[in-house]
Protein backbone atom coordinates (compact mmCIF):
# COMPACT_ATOMS: atom_id res chain seq x y z
CA MET A 1 0.00 0.00 0.00
CA LEU A 2 2.81 2.39 0.83
CA HIS A 3 4.26 1.74 -2.61
CA SER A 4 0.98 2.84 -4.23
CA VAL A 5 0.85 6.07 -2.25
CA ALA A 6 4.48 6.83 -3.00
CA LYS A 7 3.80 6.18 -6.66
CA GLU A 8 0.90 8.65 -6.64
CA ASP A 9 3.15 11.31 -5.07
CA HIS A 10 5.73 10.63 -7.79
CA LEU A 11 3.10 11.04 -10.50
CA CYS A 12 1.87 14.28 -8.93
CA ASN A 13 5.43 15.57 -9.14
CA LYS A 14 5.51 14.65 -12.83
CA ARG A 15 2.29 16.54 -13.44
CA PHE A 16 3.67 19.58 -11.61
CA TYR A 17 6.81 19.44 -13.77
CA LEU A 18 4.72 19.40 -16.93
CA GLN A 19 2.50 22.24 -15.78
CA GLN A 20 5.42 24.41 -14.79
CA ARG A 21 7.66 23.79 -17.78
CA ASN A 22 5.00 23.07 -20.42
CA LYS A 23 7.31 20.35 -21.67
CA ASP A 24 6.26 17.60 -24.07
CA MET A 25 6.92 13.99 -23.09
CA LEU A 26 9.33 11.77 -24.99
CA ILE A 27 8.29 8.11 -24.91
CA TYR A 28 11.31 5.86 -25.32
CA SER A 29 9.46 2.54 -25.28
CA ILE A 30 6.19 0.87 -24.36
CA THR A 31 5.82 -2.72 -23.20
CA LYS A 32 2.50 -4.52 -22.85
CA THR A 33 2.35 -6.30 -19.48
CA SER A 34 -1.26 -7.57 -19.51
CA GLU A 35 -4.64 -6.84 -21.06
CA ASP A 36 -4.63 -3.11 -21.95
CA VAL A 37 -1.88 -2.43 -19.35
CA PHE A 38 1.42 -1.00 -20.55
CA LYS A 39 4.74 -0.01 -19.03
CA LEU A 40 6.08 3.27 -20.38
CA ASN A 41 9.69 4.39 -20.30
CA THR A 42 9.67 8.14 -20.84
CA SER A 43 11.66 11.29 -20.37
CA LEU A 44 9.79 11.68 -17.07
CA GLY A 45 10.61 8.19 -15.85
CA SER A 46 8.93 4.79 -16.01
CA PHE A 47 5.34 4.03 -15.03
CA PHE A 48 2.35 1.83 -15.82
CA LEU A 49 -1.07 2.70 -17.21
CA ARG A 50 -4.27 1.04 -18.33
CA THR A 51 -5.50 2.35 -21.68
CA SER A 52 -9.11 2.19 -20.44
CA TYR A 53 -8.31 5.24 -18.31
CA LEU A 54 -7.15 7.40 -21.22
CA GLU A 55 -9.60 10.18 -22.01
CA GLU A 56 -11.75 9.37 -25.02
CA ASN A 57 -12.00 12.98 -26.16
CA ILE A 58 -8.28 13.23 -26.93
CA ASN A 59 -7.39 12.39 -30.51
CA PHE A 60 -4.42 10.07 -30.08
CA GLN A 61 -4.30 9.25 -33.76
CA GLN A 62 -3.24 12.78 -34.61
CA GLU A 63 -0.40 12.36 -32.16
CA SER A 64 0.73 9.07 -33.73
CA LEU A 65 -0.17 7.37 -30.45
CA PHE A 66 -3.07 5.30 -31.68
CA ASP A 67 -1.41 1.89 -31.29
CA PHE A 68 0.47 1.38 -28.04
CA GLU A 69 1.67 -2.08 -29.01
CA ASN A 70 3.32 -0.83 -32.21
CA LEU A 71 4.49 2.58 -31.06
CA LYS A 72 7.79 3.63 -32.57
CA PRO A 73 10.66 4.24 -30.11
CA ASN A 74 11.40 7.84 -29.09
CA THR A 75 7.94 9.17 -29.92
CA GLN A 76 7.34 12.70 -28.70
CA VAL A 77 3.83 13.64 -27.57
CA SER A 78 2.24 16.97 -26.75
CA PHE A 79 1.67 18.47 -23.32
CA GLU A 80 -2.04 17.57 -23.50
CA ILE A 81 -1.31 13.93 -24.29
CA SER A 82 1.41 13.83 -21.63
CA GLU A 83 -1.04 15.05 -19.01
CA ASN A 84 -3.58 12.42 -20.01
CA ILE A 85 -1.02 9.62 -19.92
CA ILE A 86 0.07 10.65 -16.44
CA GLU A 87 -3.54 10.83 -15.27
CA ALA A 88 -4.18 7.32 -16.61
CA SER A 89 -1.09 6.10 -14.77
CA LEU A 90 -2.30 7.71 -11.56
CA LEU A 91 -5.66 5.97 -11.93
CA PHE A 92 -3.91 2.67 -12.45
CA SER A 93 -2.05 3.15 -9.16
CA VAL A 94 -5.42 3.71 -7.44
CA GLU A 95 -6.70 0.56 -9.13
CA ARG A 96 -3.76 -1.46 -7.82
CA THR A 97 -4.54 -0.34 -4.28
CA ALA A 98 -8.21 -1.22 -4.76
CA VAL A 99 -7.38 -4.65 -6.16
CA ALA A 100 -5.07 -5.36 -3.22
CA TYR A 101 -8.02 -4.81 -0.87
CA LEU A 102 -10.37 -6.89 -3.02
CA GLU A 103 -7.90 -9.77 -3.18
CA ARG A 104 -8.03 -10.03 0.61
CA ALA A 105 -11.82 -9.94 0.92
CA GLU A 106 -15.07 -8.88 -0.73
CA HIS A 107 -15.88 -5.20 -0.18
CA SER A 108 -18.97 -3.12 -0.71
CA THR A 109 -18.53 -0.11 -2.99
CA GLU A 110 -18.81 2.25 -0.03
CA MET A 111 -16.33 0.34 2.12
CA LEU A 112 -13.76 0.34 -0.66
CA ARG A 113 -14.42 4.04 -1.30
CA ARG A 114 -13.74 4.82 2.37
CA LYS A 115 -10.48 2.87 2.38
CA LEU A 116 -9.23 4.55 -0.78
CA LYS A 117 -10.05 7.96 0.69
CA THR A 118 -7.81 7.21 3.67
CA LYS A 119 -4.95 6.76 1.20
CA GLY A 120 -5.36 10.36 0.06
CA TYR A 121 -6.65 9.65 -3.44
CA SER A 122 -8.91 12.27 -5.00
CA PRO A 123 -12.69 11.60 -5.06
CA ASN A 124 -12.68 11.85 -8.86
CA ALA A 125 -9.93 9.23 -9.22
CA ILE A 126 -11.64 6.93 -6.74
CA GLU A 127 -14.98 7.07 -8.57
CA LYS A 128 -13.37 6.31 -11.93
CA VAL A 129 -11.63 3.27 -10.49
CA LEU A 130 -14.77 2.06 -8.70
CA THR A 131 -16.71 2.34 -11.97
CA PHE A 132 -14.06 0.32 -13.78
CA ALA A 133 -13.97 -2.31 -11.02
CA LYS A 134 -17.74 -2.76 -11.27
CA LYS A 135 -17.55 -3.16 -15.04
CA ARG A 136 -14.98 -5.91 -14.56
CA ASN A 137 -17.15 -7.48 -11.84
CA TRP A 138 -14.31 -7.19 -9.34
CA LEU A 139 -16.66 -5.16 -7.17
CA SER A 140 -20.30 -6.11 -6.53
CA ASP A 141 -22.55 -4.93 -3.72
CA GLU A 142 -24.87 -7.87 -4.39
CA ARG A 143 -22.04 -10.38 -4.08
CA TYR A 144 -20.64 -8.64 -1.02
CA ALA A 145 -24.02 -8.60 0.75
CA GLY A 146 -24.49 -12.33 0.22
CA ALA A 147 -20.98 -13.14 1.43
CA PHE A 148 -21.38 -10.86 4.45
CA LEU A 149 -24.60 -12.57 5.55
CA ARG A 150 -23.17 -16.07 5.14
CA ASN A 151 -19.97 -15.28 7.02
CA ARG A 152 -21.71 -13.34 9.79
CA SER A 153 -24.21 -16.13 10.43
CA ILE A 154 -21.34 -18.46 11.28
CA ARG A 155 -20.31 -16.26 14.21
CA LYS A 156 -23.54 -14.54 15.24
CA ALA A 157 -27.24 -15.35 15.55
CA GLU A 158 -29.11 -12.24 14.41
CA GLY A 159 -32.49 -11.39 12.96
CA ARG A 160 -33.46 -9.60 9.79
CA THR A 161 -33.72 -6.09 11.26
CA ARG A 162 -30.23 -6.20 12.76
CA LEU A 163 -28.72 -7.64 9.59
CA LEU A 164 -30.42 -4.98 7.49
CA ALA A 165 -28.86 -2.29 9.69
CA GLU A 166 -25.43 -3.92 9.45
CA LEU A 167 -25.62 -3.96 5.65
CA ALA A 168 -26.76 -0.32 5.59
CA SER A 169 -23.76 0.67 7.73
CA ARG A 170 -21.54 -0.85 5.06
CA GLY A 171 -23.12 1.21 2.30
CA ILE A 172 -25.51 -1.37 0.89
CA ASN A 173 -28.70 0.26 -0.36
CA ARG A 174 -32.09 -0.91 0.89
CA GLU A 175 -33.15 -2.72 -2.27
CA THR A 176 -29.91 -4.69 -2.55
CA ALA A 177 -29.93 -5.50 1.16
CA GLU A 178 -33.54 -6.71 1.13
CA LYS A 179 -32.85 -8.95 -1.87
CA ALA A 180 -29.76 -10.41 -0.17
CA LEU A 181 -31.75 -11.05 3.01
CA ASP A 182 -34.57 -12.72 1.08
CA ASP A 183 -32.05 -15.05 -0.55
CA PHE A 184 -30.30 -15.68 2.77
CA PHE A 185 -33.48 -16.59 4.63
CA GLN A 186 -34.51 -18.95 1.86
CA GLN A 187 -31.48 -20.98 2.91
CA LYS A 188 -31.61 -20.27 6.65
CA ASN A 189 -34.65 -20.60 8.90
CA GLU A 190 -35.01 -17.44 10.98
CA THR A 191 -36.77 -19.35 13.75
CA ASP A 192 -33.76 -21.66 14.03
CA ILE A 193 -31.47 -18.64 14.26
CA LEU A 194 -33.71 -17.16 16.96
CA ALA A 195 -33.55 -20.44 18.88
CA ARG A 196 -29.77 -20.38 18.67
CA ALA A 197 -29.61 -16.85 20.08
CA ALA A 198 -32.18 -17.61 22.78
CA SER A 199 -30.36 -20.77 23.82
CA LYS A 200 -27.23 -18.76 24.50
CA LEU A 201 -29.19 -16.29 26.63
CA LYS A 202 -30.87 -19.12 28.54
CA LYS A 203 -27.48 -20.61 29.39
CA GLN A 204 -26.55 -17.20 30.78
CA ARG A 205 -29.62 -17.51 33.07
CA LYS A 206 -31.29 -14.40 31.68
CA THR A 207 -34.81 -13.68 32.83
CA LYS A 208 -37.59 -13.72 30.25
CA GLU A 209 -37.71 -9.93 30.29
CA LYS A 210 -33.97 -9.50 29.76
CA ALA A 211 -33.88 -12.22 27.12
CA PHE A 212 -36.75 -10.55 25.29
CA GLN A 213 -34.95 -7.19 25.19
CA ALA A 214 -31.69 -8.83 24.10
CA LEU A 215 -33.44 -10.63 21.24
CA ILE A 216 -35.12 -7.40 20.13
CA ARG A 217 -31.67 -5.78 19.95
CA LEU A 218 -30.47 -8.74 17.90
CA GLY A 219 -33.07 -7.90 15.27
CA PHE A 220 -35.74 -10.54 15.73
CA SER A 221 -39.42 -9.66 15.44
CA TRP A 222 -41.53 -9.01 18.54
CA ASN A 223 -44.06 -11.71 17.62
CA ASP A 224 -41.43 -14.37 16.93
CA ILE A 225 -39.66 -13.64 20.20
CA LYS A 226 -42.87 -13.73 22.21
CA SER A 227 -43.92 -17.01 20.64
CA TYR A 228 -40.54 -18.65 21.22
CA ILE A 229 -40.13 -17.50 24.82
CA ASN A 230 -43.68 -18.51 25.77
CA ASP A 231 -43.09 -21.99 24.37
CA ASN A 232 -39.52 -22.59 25.49
CA TRP A 233 -38.63 -20.51 28.57
């Protein structure tokens, strides 16, 4: 992660150099490293970019930069193109940070946005990378919500209301959360989950009143709790 932040600082310095000196960039060589990702060796140093982040409104063909894979060595490009290349490289560094998080665990869009903000990336750069990640299906609130509910149910016994609040706190919108909960409770019986939570409280020798309040806080419905406690306490 520190490498990504340092790289962004380095790119910001490159942009500052271009803005101050109005100097065109000389591209010595370009090497394709993966799908639409290239390594550039330039007069401003070496860096990576994804061509998907290049601005569509810039006419690269006029600059003889229309084919990265067959670019001639020592191609000089204008200040405008140089700026766009550097911006695309900056976005790729944000992407690499995002992917590092996603490789460790599923994230909601909002959770990933928050983490990227703590790294000091600009809101505009973050949103562009989040949009790209969604297009590639690296990032999915629907997938995250389902995974969250499955994993949480292993450790905790909670009802629908509590789980809905937990998803909301992670940036999952109401519609997506409700759909995920519907799918989850098709696989899991909420009464069984209630029984699991109540059993733990009973072992702790909670009174009916205290158990009732605890189960309400855990997100179970008033009617379900009343029915269970009356039959089992």
